[in-house]
Amino acid sequence: MNLLVIEDEVRLAEALVQILQKNKYTALAAYDGITGLDHALTGIYDVIILDIMLPKLNGLEVLKQLREQKIQTPVI
C-alpha cells in the first residue's frame, strides 16, 4: 500500500514515514502543499495523510484541486 504524507513539520512527517515503513507500507513525505499536490496528482497513492496548515498551498486547497482533477484517493 502506497501512502503520501503531506506535512510541513519535517520531524513529524519523517517519523510518520518511518512508522509506516516499519509496518510494511510504502510511504513518501512532502513538506509543502505544492509539492504534495504534485505527488498526489500522479494517482499512485492508496491513501493521503494531509495537514491543513501548509506553506505555499494549504491542505484544503490541495484537496479541492485533487477532487477537481477527479483524483478520488482517500484523504485523512
N, C-alpha and C. Protein backbone atom coordinates (compact mmCIF):
# COMPACT_ATOMS: atom_id res chain seq x y z
N MET A 1 0.85 -1.17 0.00
CA MET A 1 0.00 0.00 0.00
C MET A 1 0.90 1.24 0.00
N ASN A 2 0.63 2.16 -0.89
CA ASN A 2 1.39 3.40 -1.02
C ASN A 2 0.68 4.54 -0.30
N LEU A 3 1.40 5.24 0.56
CA LEU A 3 0.84 6.37 1.29
C LEU A 3 1.67 7.61 1.05
N LEU A 4 0.99 8.74 0.98
CA LEU A 4 1.65 10.04 0.85
C LEU A 4 1.35 10.84 2.09
N VAL A 5 2.39 11.33 2.75
CA VAL A 5 2.25 12.17 3.94
C VAL A 5 2.60 13.59 3.52
N ILE A 6 1.63 14.50 3.62
CA ILE A 6 1.88 15.91 3.31
C ILE A 6 1.80 16.66 4.62
N GLU A 7 2.97 17.01 5.15
CA GLU A 7 3.10 17.60 6.49
C GLU A 7 4.31 18.52 6.49
N ASP A 8 4.14 19.77 6.94
CA ASP A 8 5.25 20.72 6.91
C ASP A 8 6.21 20.59 8.08
N GLU A 9 5.81 19.94 9.15
CA GLU A 9 6.74 19.72 10.26
C GLU A 9 7.58 18.49 9.90
N VAL A 10 8.80 18.75 9.49
CA VAL A 10 9.66 17.72 8.92
C VAL A 10 9.86 16.54 9.86
N ARG A 11 10.11 16.81 11.12
CA ARG A 11 10.35 15.71 12.07
C ARG A 11 9.12 14.83 12.22
N LEU A 12 7.94 15.42 12.26
CA LEU A 12 6.70 14.66 12.36
C LEU A 12 6.48 13.84 11.09
N ALA A 13 6.68 14.46 9.94
CA ALA A 13 6.50 13.75 8.67
C ALA A 13 7.46 12.57 8.57
N GLU A 14 8.71 12.80 8.92
CA GLU A 14 9.69 11.72 8.85
C GLU A 14 9.37 10.60 9.83
N ALA A 15 8.89 10.95 11.02
CA ALA A 15 8.51 9.93 11.99
C ALA A 15 7.34 9.09 11.47
N LEU A 16 6.35 9.75 10.88
CA LEU A 16 5.21 9.02 10.32
C LEU A 16 5.65 8.08 9.21
N VAL A 17 6.52 8.57 8.33
CA VAL A 17 7.02 7.74 7.23
C VAL A 17 7.78 6.53 7.79
N GLN A 18 8.61 6.74 8.79
CA GLN A 18 9.37 5.63 9.38
C GLN A 18 8.44 4.60 10.01
N ILE A 19 7.44 5.05 10.74
CA ILE A 19 6.49 4.13 11.37
C ILE A 19 5.74 3.34 10.30
N LEU A 20 5.29 4.03 9.27
CA LEU A 20 4.57 3.35 8.20
C LEU A 20 5.46 2.32 7.50
N GLN A 21 6.69 2.70 7.20
CA GLN A 21 7.61 1.78 6.53
C GLN A 21 7.94 0.58 7.41
N LYS A 22 8.07 0.81 8.71
CA LYS A 22 8.34 -0.28 9.63
C LYS A 22 7.19 -1.29 9.63
N ASN A 23 5.99 -0.80 9.33
CA ASN A 23 4.81 -1.66 9.30
C ASN A 23 4.48 -2.12 7.88
N LYS A 24 5.51 -2.13 7.02
CA LYS A 24 5.44 -2.70 5.67
C LYS A 24 4.61 -1.89 4.66
N TYR A 25 4.46 -0.58 4.91
CA TYR A 25 3.82 0.31 3.94
C TYR A 25 4.90 1.04 3.16
N THR A 26 4.58 1.45 1.96
CA THR A 26 5.45 2.33 1.21
C THR A 26 4.95 3.74 1.45
N ALA A 27 5.82 4.63 1.91
CA ALA A 27 5.40 5.98 2.26
C ALA A 27 6.41 7.00 1.78
N LEU A 28 5.88 8.15 1.39
CA LEU A 28 6.69 9.27 0.93
C LEU A 28 6.17 10.52 1.62
N ALA A 29 7.07 11.43 1.96
CA ALA A 29 6.67 12.69 2.60
C ALA A 29 6.89 13.86 1.65
N ALA A 30 5.97 14.83 1.73
CA ALA A 30 6.11 16.12 1.07
C ALA A 30 5.91 17.17 2.15
N TYR A 31 6.67 18.27 2.08
CA TYR A 31 6.69 19.22 3.18
C TYR A 31 5.98 20.54 2.88
N ASP A 32 5.34 20.65 1.74
CA ASP A 32 4.53 21.84 1.44
C ASP A 32 3.39 21.43 0.50
N GLY A 33 2.41 22.29 0.38
CA GLY A 33 1.22 21.96 -0.39
C GLY A 33 1.46 21.75 -1.87
N ILE A 34 2.32 22.56 -2.45
CA ILE A 34 2.57 22.45 -3.89
C ILE A 34 3.26 21.12 -4.23
N THR A 35 4.29 20.79 -3.47
CA THR A 35 4.99 19.53 -3.70
C THR A 35 4.06 18.35 -3.44
N GLY A 36 3.29 18.44 -2.36
CA GLY A 36 2.33 17.38 -2.04
C GLY A 36 1.31 17.19 -3.14
N LEU A 37 0.79 18.30 -3.67
CA LEU A 37 -0.18 18.23 -4.76
C LEU A 37 0.44 17.58 -6.00
N ASP A 38 1.67 17.97 -6.32
CA ASP A 38 2.35 17.37 -7.48
C ASP A 38 2.46 15.85 -7.33
N HIS A 39 2.84 15.40 -6.14
CA HIS A 39 2.94 13.95 -5.91
C HIS A 39 1.57 13.31 -5.97
N ALA A 40 0.58 13.93 -5.33
CA ALA A 40 -0.76 13.34 -5.26
C ALA A 40 -1.41 13.22 -6.63
N LEU A 41 -1.10 14.14 -7.52
CA LEU A 41 -1.70 14.11 -8.86
C LEU A 41 -1.24 12.93 -9.71
N THR A 42 -0.18 12.25 -9.28
CA THR A 42 0.26 11.07 -10.01
C THR A 42 -0.74 9.93 -9.88
N GLY A 43 -1.55 9.98 -8.80
CA GLY A 43 -2.58 8.97 -8.61
C GLY A 43 -2.08 7.61 -8.19
N ILE A 44 -0.83 7.49 -7.76
CA ILE A 44 -0.29 6.19 -7.39
C ILE A 44 -0.44 5.87 -5.91
N TYR A 45 -1.11 6.73 -5.16
CA TYR A 45 -1.22 6.55 -3.72
C TYR A 45 -2.57 5.96 -3.35
N ASP A 46 -2.56 5.07 -2.36
CA ASP A 46 -3.78 4.45 -1.86
C ASP A 46 -4.45 5.34 -0.81
N VAL A 47 -3.65 6.09 -0.06
CA VAL A 47 -4.14 6.99 0.99
C VAL A 47 -3.21 8.20 1.06
N ILE A 48 -3.79 9.37 1.32
CA ILE A 48 -3.01 10.60 1.53
C ILE A 48 -3.30 11.08 2.94
N ILE A 49 -2.24 11.30 3.71
CA ILE A 49 -2.36 11.90 5.03
C ILE A 49 -2.00 13.37 4.85
N LEU A 50 -2.98 14.25 5.06
CA LEU A 50 -2.86 15.65 4.66
C LEU A 50 -3.05 16.60 5.84
N ASP A 51 -2.05 17.42 6.08
CA ASP A 51 -2.14 18.50 7.07
C ASP A 51 -2.94 19.65 6.44
N ILE A 52 -3.62 20.42 7.25
CA ILE A 52 -4.39 21.56 6.72
C ILE A 52 -3.52 22.80 6.59
N MET A 53 -2.75 23.11 7.62
CA MET A 53 -1.93 24.33 7.60
C MET A 53 -0.56 24.02 7.01
N LEU A 54 -0.44 24.28 5.71
CA LEU A 54 0.79 24.02 4.97
C LEU A 54 1.30 25.29 4.31
N PRO A 55 2.62 25.40 4.12
CA PRO A 55 3.13 26.53 3.34
C PRO A 55 2.85 26.35 1.86
N LYS A 56 2.81 27.44 1.15
CA LYS A 56 2.65 27.54 -0.31
C LYS A 56 1.24 27.23 -0.79
N LEU A 57 0.59 26.23 -0.23
CA LEU A 57 -0.78 25.87 -0.62
C LEU A 57 -1.37 25.08 0.54
N ASN A 58 -2.47 25.58 1.14
CA ASN A 58 -2.99 24.91 2.33
C ASN A 58 -3.66 23.58 1.96
N GLY A 59 -3.85 22.75 2.97
CA GLY A 59 -4.38 21.42 2.76
C GLY A 59 -5.77 21.38 2.14
N LEU A 60 -6.63 22.33 2.50
CA LEU A 60 -7.97 22.37 1.91
C LEU A 60 -7.91 22.66 0.42
N GLU A 61 -6.99 23.53 0.03
CA GLU A 61 -6.83 23.83 -1.40
C GLU A 61 -6.23 22.63 -2.14
N VAL A 62 -5.31 21.94 -1.50
CA VAL A 62 -4.76 20.72 -2.09
C VAL A 62 -5.90 19.73 -2.36
N LEU A 63 -6.73 19.50 -1.35
CA LEU A 63 -7.84 18.56 -1.50
C LEU A 63 -8.82 19.02 -2.59
N LYS A 64 -9.12 20.31 -2.61
CA LYS A 64 -10.03 20.85 -3.63
C LYS A 64 -9.48 20.58 -5.03
N GLN A 65 -8.20 20.86 -5.22
CA GLN A 65 -7.60 20.66 -6.55
C GLN A 65 -7.54 19.18 -6.93
N LEU A 66 -7.31 18.32 -5.95
CA LEU A 66 -7.32 16.88 -6.24
C LEU A 66 -8.69 16.44 -6.74
N ARG A 67 -9.73 16.88 -6.04
CA ARG A 67 -11.08 16.48 -6.42
C ARG A 67 -11.49 17.08 -7.77
N GLU A 68 -11.03 18.30 -8.05
CA GLU A 68 -11.30 18.91 -9.36
C GLU A 68 -10.65 18.11 -10.49
N GLN A 69 -9.52 17.49 -10.18
CA GLN A 69 -8.81 16.66 -11.17
C GLN A 69 -9.31 15.22 -11.17
N LYS A 70 -10.39 14.97 -10.43
CA LYS A 70 -11.02 13.64 -10.36
C LYS A 70 -10.14 12.59 -9.68
N ILE A 71 -9.20 13.04 -8.84
CA ILE A 71 -8.41 12.13 -8.01
C ILE A 71 -9.26 11.81 -6.79
N GLN A 72 -9.65 10.56 -6.64
CA GLN A 72 -10.54 10.15 -5.55
C GLN A 72 -9.82 9.39 -4.45
N THR A 73 -8.52 9.52 -4.37
CA THR A 73 -7.74 8.86 -3.32
C THR A 73 -8.27 9.30 -1.96
N PRO A 74 -8.51 8.35 -1.04
CA PRO A 74 -8.95 8.72 0.31
C PRO A 74 -7.93 9.63 1.00
N VAL A 75 -8.43 10.64 1.70
CA VAL A 75 -7.58 11.62 2.39
C VAL A 75 -7.93 11.62 3.87
N ILE A 76 -6.89 11.54 4.69
CA ILE A 76 -7.07 11.62 6.15
C ILE A 76 -6.47 12.94 6.59
